[in-house]
Amino acid sequence: MLNPEETEAQFEQRWWELMNQMRERFGKKPDLNALLLLIGVQELGQGAGPFTKEQKQDLMHIATCKLFSISGYYELERIDEDGWPHYKLLRPVPFASLKEQERMLKWHMLEYFQQQEDEE
């Protein structure tokens, strides 16, 4: 979908490897929402919380914007006085079926965690 040279099997292998890394790190396999929350907390950079339900939703939104900034759909606009990032939409994310949306999200997560690894 996003990398025409990557086969479905290669994509699934990369996803499986990421899930194994997450299982080793956290003791269980996270779902997509848990990964979004993790990415949001990481992007906020203020530690693991505690966060209110509303803040958790905001963290997941930050994560989604950060992930889709990889493909140029969003860009970081500013960091507010409380340290929370704010993104602006550059172009609409294309309409996709639920399955396609999940795959897009997974692909962006794979790219995000690869970038994190490359920076270490």
Protein backbone atom coordinates (compact mmCIF):
# COMPACT_ATOMS: atom_id res chain seq x y z
CA MET A 1 0.00 0.00 0.00
CA LEU A 2 2.53 2.63 1.06
CA ASN A 3 5.65 0.84 -0.11
CA PRO A 4 4.94 -0.78 -3.46
CA GLU A 5 8.14 -2.83 -3.27
CA GLU A 6 7.20 -4.45 0.06
CA THR A 7 5.19 -7.63 -0.22
CA GLU A 8 2.33 -8.37 2.14
CA ALA A 9 4.42 -11.15 3.68
CA GLN A 10 7.32 -8.74 4.32
CA PHE A 11 4.94 -6.22 5.86
CA GLU A 12 3.40 -8.86 8.12
CA GLN A 13 6.89 -10.05 9.13
CA ARG A 14 7.93 -6.50 10.11
CA TRP A 15 4.69 -6.11 12.09
CA TRP A 16 5.19 -9.46 13.84
CA GLU A 17 8.76 -8.44 14.79
CA LEU A 18 7.53 -5.12 16.22
CA MET A 19 4.83 -6.88 18.23
CA ASN A 20 7.44 -9.28 19.63
CA GLN A 21 9.64 -6.34 20.64
CA MET A 22 6.67 -4.69 22.35
CA ARG A 23 5.73 -7.95 24.11
CA GLU A 24 9.32 -8.26 25.41
CA ARG A 25 9.36 -4.63 26.53
CA PHE A 26 5.93 -4.50 28.21
CA GLY A 27 5.15 -8.11 29.03
CA LYS A 28 2.15 -8.31 26.71
CA LYS A 29 1.22 -7.64 23.12
CA PRO A 30 -0.32 -4.16 22.79
CA ASP A 31 -3.28 -3.38 20.56
CA LEU A 32 -3.32 -0.40 18.18
CA ASN A 33 -4.87 1.91 20.79
CA ALA A 34 -2.18 1.02 23.32
CA LEU A 35 0.49 1.73 20.71
CA LEU A 36 -1.12 5.07 19.88
CA LEU A 37 -1.12 5.96 23.56
CA LEU A 38 2.53 4.90 23.88
CA ILE A 39 3.53 7.03 20.88
CA GLY A 40 1.53 9.99 22.21
CA VAL A 41 3.22 9.77 25.62
CA GLN A 42 6.59 9.47 23.92
CA GLU A 43 5.92 12.52 21.74
CA LEU A 44 4.69 14.55 24.70
CA GLY A 45 7.91 13.71 26.52
CA GLN A 46 6.58 14.31 30.03
CA GLY A 47 6.66 10.77 31.38
CA ALA A 48 4.03 8.11 31.75
CA GLY A 49 1.31 10.08 33.49
CA PRO A 50 -1.13 9.72 35.17
CA PHE A 51 -3.43 11.07 32.46
CA THR A 52 -7.15 11.74 32.47
CA LYS A 53 -9.40 10.01 29.93
CA GLU A 54 -9.52 13.25 27.92
CA GLN A 55 -5.72 13.57 28.02
CA LYS A 56 -5.39 9.97 26.81
CA GLN A 57 -7.63 10.82 23.85
CA ASP A 58 -5.47 13.88 23.18
CA LEU A 59 -2.33 11.73 23.37
CA MET A 60 -3.79 9.30 20.82
CA HIS A 61 -4.59 12.27 18.56
CA ILE A 62 -1.01 13.54 18.91
CA ALA A 63 0.22 10.07 17.98
CA THR A 64 -2.01 9.89 14.91
CA CYS A 65 -0.85 13.31 13.73
CA LYS A 66 2.79 12.42 14.37
CA LEU A 67 2.42 9.13 12.50
CA PHE A 68 0.73 10.72 9.50
CA SER A 69 3.31 13.52 9.45
CA ILE A 70 5.70 10.80 8.22
CA SER A 71 3.73 10.80 4.95
CA GLY A 72 3.25 14.55 4.81
CA TYR A 73 -0.41 14.68 5.87
CA TYR A 74 0.32 16.71 9.01
CA GLU A 75 3.12 18.90 10.28
CA LEU A 76 4.01 20.07 13.74
CA GLU A 77 2.68 23.59 14.09
CA ARG A 78 3.72 24.46 17.64
CA ILE A 79 4.28 23.27 21.17
CA ASP A 80 1.94 25.02 23.62
CA GLU A 81 2.90 26.51 27.00
CA ASP A 82 2.16 23.17 28.70
CA GLY A 83 4.48 21.30 26.32
CA TRP A 84 1.72 19.68 24.23
CA PRO A 85 2.38 19.46 20.48
CA HIS A 86 -0.18 20.82 18.03
CA TYR A 87 -0.28 19.69 14.40
CA LYS A 88 -1.89 21.18 11.33
CA LEU A 89 -3.42 19.19 8.52
CA LEU A 90 -1.55 19.72 5.24
CA ARG A 91 -3.68 17.47 3.06
CA PRO A 92 -6.57 15.14 3.82
CA VAL A 93 -5.80 11.53 4.62
CA PRO A 94 -7.36 9.52 1.77
CA PHE A 95 -10.60 7.70 2.38
CA ALA A 96 -9.99 4.02 3.03
CA SER A 97 -11.86 0.98 4.25
CA LEU A 98 -11.42 -0.06 7.87
CA LYS A 99 -8.93 -2.74 6.85
CA GLU A 100 -6.95 -0.26 4.72
CA GLN A 101 -6.99 2.29 7.57
CA GLU A 102 -5.59 -0.31 9.95
CA ARG A 103 -2.85 -1.22 7.50
CA MET A 104 -1.95 2.45 6.95
CA LEU A 105 -1.76 2.94 10.71
CA LYS A 106 0.40 -0.15 11.14
CA TRP A 107 2.73 0.94 8.33
CA HIS A 108 3.16 4.37 9.91
CA MET A 109 3.83 2.75 13.30
CA LEU A 110 6.49 0.54 11.75
CA GLU A 111 8.12 3.58 10.18
CA TYR A 112 7.87 5.55 13.45
CA PHE A 113 9.53 2.85 15.53
CA GLN A 114 12.19 2.33 12.83
CA GLN A 115 12.98 6.07 12.97
CA GLN A 116 13.19 5.86 16.78
CA GLU A 117 15.59 2.94 16.50
CA ASP A 118 17.70 4.73 13.87
CA GLU A 119 18.01 7.78 16.16
CA GLU A 120 19.34 5.73 19.10
